[in-house]
C-alpha atoms as a PDB file:
ATOM      1  CA  MET A   1      85.623  87.902  18.836  1.00  0.00           C
ATOM      2  CA  ARG A   2      88.421  87.752  21.376  1.00  0.00           C
ATOM      3  CA  THR A   3      88.525  90.665  23.786  1.00  0.00           C
ATOM      4  CA  GLN A   4      91.793  92.316  24.662  1.00  0.00           C
ATOM      5  CA  PRO A   5      92.855  94.370  27.659  1.00  0.00           C
ATOM      6  CA  CYS A   6      92.791  98.100  27.023  1.00  0.00           C
ATOM      7  CA  HIS A   7      96.549  98.571  26.678  1.00  0.00           C
ATOM      8  CA  ASP A   8      98.281  98.042  23.357  1.00  0.00           C
ATOM      9  CA  ASP A   9      98.567  94.566  21.915  1.00  0.00           C
ATOM     10  CA  ALA A  10     100.111  94.604  18.438  1.00  0.00           C
ATOM     11  CA  MET A  11      98.840  91.100  17.675  1.00  0.00           C
ATOM     12  CA  GLN A  12      95.109  91.984  17.899  1.00  0.00           C
ATOM     13  CA  PRO A  13      94.711  95.718  17.175  1.00  0.00           C
ATOM     14  CA  TYR A  14      91.181  95.507  15.754  1.00  0.00           C
ATOM     15  CA  THR A  15      89.493  93.208  18.278  1.00  0.00           C
ATOM     16  CA  ARG A  16      90.311  95.232  21.370  1.00  0.00           C
ATOM     17  CA  THR A  17      87.451  96.156  23.685  1.00  0.00           C
ATOM     18  CA  THR A  18      87.588  98.199  26.840  1.00  0.00           C
ATOM     19  CA  THR A  19      85.680  97.832  30.053  1.00  0.00           C
ATOM     20  CA  HIS A  20      86.255 101.311  31.432  1.00  0.00           C
ATOM     21  CA  PRO A  21      83.122 102.886  32.907  1.00  0.00           C
ATOM     22  CA  ILE A  22      82.106 106.169  31.300  1.00  0.00           C
ATOM     23  CA  THR A  23      79.913 109.125  32.116  1.00  0.00           C
ATOM     24  CA  CYS A  24      77.667 110.335  29.360  1.00  0.00           C
ATOM     25  CA  SER A  25      75.363 113.187  28.492  1.00  0.00           C
ATOM     26  CA  ILE A  26      72.941 112.808  25.600  1.00  0.00           C
ATOM     27  CA  GLY A  27      70.759 115.680  24.457  1.00  0.00           C
ATOM     28  CA  LEU A  28      67.431 114.882  22.830  1.00  0.00           C
ATOM     29  CA  ARG A  29      65.026 117.170  20.994  1.00  0.00           C
ATOM     30  CA  GLY A  30      61.819 117.615  22.994  1.00  0.00           C
ATOM     31  CA  ALA A  31      60.608 116.195  26.276  1.00  0.00           C
ATOM     32  CA  LEU A  32      60.300 112.458  26.880  1.00  0.00           C
ATOM     33  CA  ASP A  33      56.881 111.056  27.716  1.00  0.00           C
ATOM     34  CA  ARG A  34      56.553 108.408  30.457  1.00  0.00           C
ATOM     35  CA  GLU A  35      56.704 105.532  27.981  1.00  0.00           C
ATOM     36  CA  CYS A  36      59.958 106.745  26.406  1.00  0.00           C
ATOM     37  CA  ALA A  37      61.449 107.661  29.784  1.00  0.00           C
ATOM     38  CA  GLY A  38      60.835 104.082  30.941  1.00  0.00           C
ATOM     39  CA  TRP A  39      63.452 102.874  28.465  1.00  0.00           C
ATOM     40  CA  PHE A  40      66.190 104.904  30.185  1.00  0.00           C
ATOM     41  CA  THR A  41      65.867 103.959  33.860  1.00  0.00           C
ATOM     42  CA  ASP A  42      69.656 103.549  34.116  1.00  0.00           C
ATOM     43  CA  LEU A  43      70.162 107.282  33.374  1.00  0.00           C
ATOM     44  CA  ASP A  44      68.971 110.540  34.901  1.00  0.00           C
ATOM     45  CA  ILE A  45      66.517 112.499  32.753  1.00  0.00           C
ATOM     46  CA  ARG A  46      66.382 116.281  32.951  1.00  0.00           C
ATOM     47  CA  LEU A  47      64.180 118.700  31.024  1.00  0.00           C
ATOM     48  CA  LEU A  48      66.196 121.708  29.860  1.00  0.00           C
ATOM     49  CA  GLU A  49      64.968 125.297  29.569  1.00  0.00           C
ATOM     50  CA  ASP A  50      64.913 125.142  25.766  1.00  0.00           C
ATOM     51  CA  GLY A  51      62.530 122.155  25.858  1.00  0.00           C
ATOM     52  CA  ALA A  52      65.224 119.566  25.122  1.00  0.00           C
ATOM     53  CA  ALA A  53      65.783 116.544  27.353  1.00  0.00           C
ATOM     54  CA  GLU A  54      69.141 115.416  28.684  1.00  0.00           C
ATOM     55  CA  LEU A  55      69.996 111.840  29.585  1.00  0.00           C
ATOM     56  CA  SER A  56      73.037 111.629  31.837  1.00  0.00           C
ATOM     57  CA  GLY A  57      74.799 109.219  34.124  1.00  0.00           C
ATOM     58  CA  GLU A  58      77.395 106.503  34.442  1.00  0.00           C
ATOM     59  CA  LEU A  59      77.484 103.517  32.090  1.00  0.00           C
ATOM     60  CA  ALA A  60      79.564 100.361  32.328  1.00  0.00           C
ATOM     61  CA  ASP A  61      81.425 100.924  29.054  1.00  0.00           C
ATOM     62  CA  GLN A  62      81.049 101.942  25.405  1.00  0.00           C
ATOM     63  CA  THR A  63      78.918  98.879  24.705  1.00  0.00           C
ATOM     64  CA  ALA A  64      76.359 100.132  27.226  1.00  0.00           C
ATOM     65  CA  LEU A  65      76.476 103.562  25.547  1.00  0.00           C
ATOM     66  CA  LEU A  66      75.779 101.931  22.196  1.00  0.00           C
ATOM     67  CA  GLY A  67      72.777 100.181  23.757  1.00  0.00           C
ATOM     68  CA  VAL A  68      71.400 103.526  24.952  1.00  0.00           C
ATOM     69  CA  LEU A  69      71.964 105.105  21.535  1.00  0.00           C
ATOM     70  CA  LEU A  70      70.174 102.185  19.866  1.00  0.00           C
ATOM     71  CA  ARG A  71      67.191 102.694  22.208  1.00  0.00           C
ATOM     72  CA  VAL A  72      67.161 106.388  21.252  1.00  0.00           C
ATOM     73  CA  HIS A  73      67.236 105.405  17.584  1.00  0.00           C
ATOM     74  CA  ASN A  74      64.515 102.764  17.950  1.00  0.00           C
ATOM     75  CA  LEU A  75      62.256 105.303  19.685  1.00  0.00           C
ATOM     76  CA  ASN A  76      62.821 107.675  16.748  1.00  0.00           C
ATOM     77  CA  LEU A  77      64.196 110.438  18.978  1.00  0.00           C
ATOM     78  CA  ASP A  78      66.412 113.206  17.599  1.00  0.00           C
ATOM     79  CA  ILE A  79      69.890 113.379  19.121  1.00  0.00           C
ATOM     80  CA  LEU A  80      71.227 116.896  19.685  1.00  0.00           C
ATOM     81  CA  TRP A  81      74.555 115.920  21.255  1.00  0.00           C
ATOM     82  CA  VAL A  82      76.504 113.077  22.838  1.00  0.00           C
ATOM     83  CA  SER A  83      79.279 113.755  25.306  1.00  0.00           C
ATOM     84  CA  THR A  84      81.309 111.097  27.100  1.00  0.00           C
ATOM     85  CA  ALA A  85      84.228 110.883  29.494  1.00  0.00           C
ATOM     86  CA  ARG A  86      86.009 107.788  30.728  1.00  0.00           C
ATOM     87  CA  ILE A  87      86.048 107.263  34.490  1.00  0.00           C
ATOM     88  CA  MET A  88      89.524 106.313  35.603  1.00  0.00           C
ATOM     89  CA  GLY A  89      90.646 104.645  38.792  1.00  0.00           C
ATOM     90  CA  HIS A  90      87.832 102.150  39.275  1.00  0.00           C
ATOM     91  CA  GLY A  91      90.055  99.113  38.684  1.00  0.00           C
ATOM     92  CA  GLN A  92      87.552  97.663  36.243  1.00  0.00           C
ATOM     93  CA  CYS A  93      89.928  97.326  33.352  1.00  0.00           C
ATOM     94  CA  CYS A  94      92.560  94.677  33.662  1.00  0.00           C
ATOM     95  CA  PRO A  95      95.115  93.900  36.376  1.00  0.00           C
ATOM     96  CA  GLY A  96      98.193  96.070  36.009  1.00  0.00           C
ATOM     97  CA  CYS A  97      96.710  98.250  33.275  1.00  0.00           C
ATOM     98  CA  PRO A  98      98.151 101.772  33.416  1.00  0.00           C
ATOM     99  CA  GLN A  99      94.763 103.173  32.352  1.00  0.00           C
ATOM    100  CA  SER A 100      93.066 101.751  35.470  1.00  0.00           C
ATOM    101  CA  GLU A 101      94.839 104.191  37.745  1.00  0.00           C
ATOM    102  CA  GLY A 102      94.170 107.888  38.147  1.00  0.00           C
ATOM    103  CA  ASP A 103      91.285 110.247  38.650  1.00  0.00           C
ATOM    104  CA  ARG A 104      88.034 110.909  36.849  1.00  0.00           C
ATOM    105  CA  THR A 105      88.600 112.469  33.476  1.00  0.00           C
END
């Protein structure tokens, strides 16, 4: 699969991937034991008042998010929510890309 920069390219509309970093928040039913928590060292883990756990932090891109979600699935954990936001202005996209400039969104 050929990767494309994040701005529009009419020749390859379905093979486009982005490399924008993202922040994420993932809610999980119940607390995580030490063994499960060890699978998410790249994210902060917080126990919420209602007994749910929240994974949060910055990930390299949507592929990294998919990896986290697959770990959640493989550990048979129940997902309560997933929230993401793209981090703009890090220059990690492609040279000259209009989406590489700006503030956090």
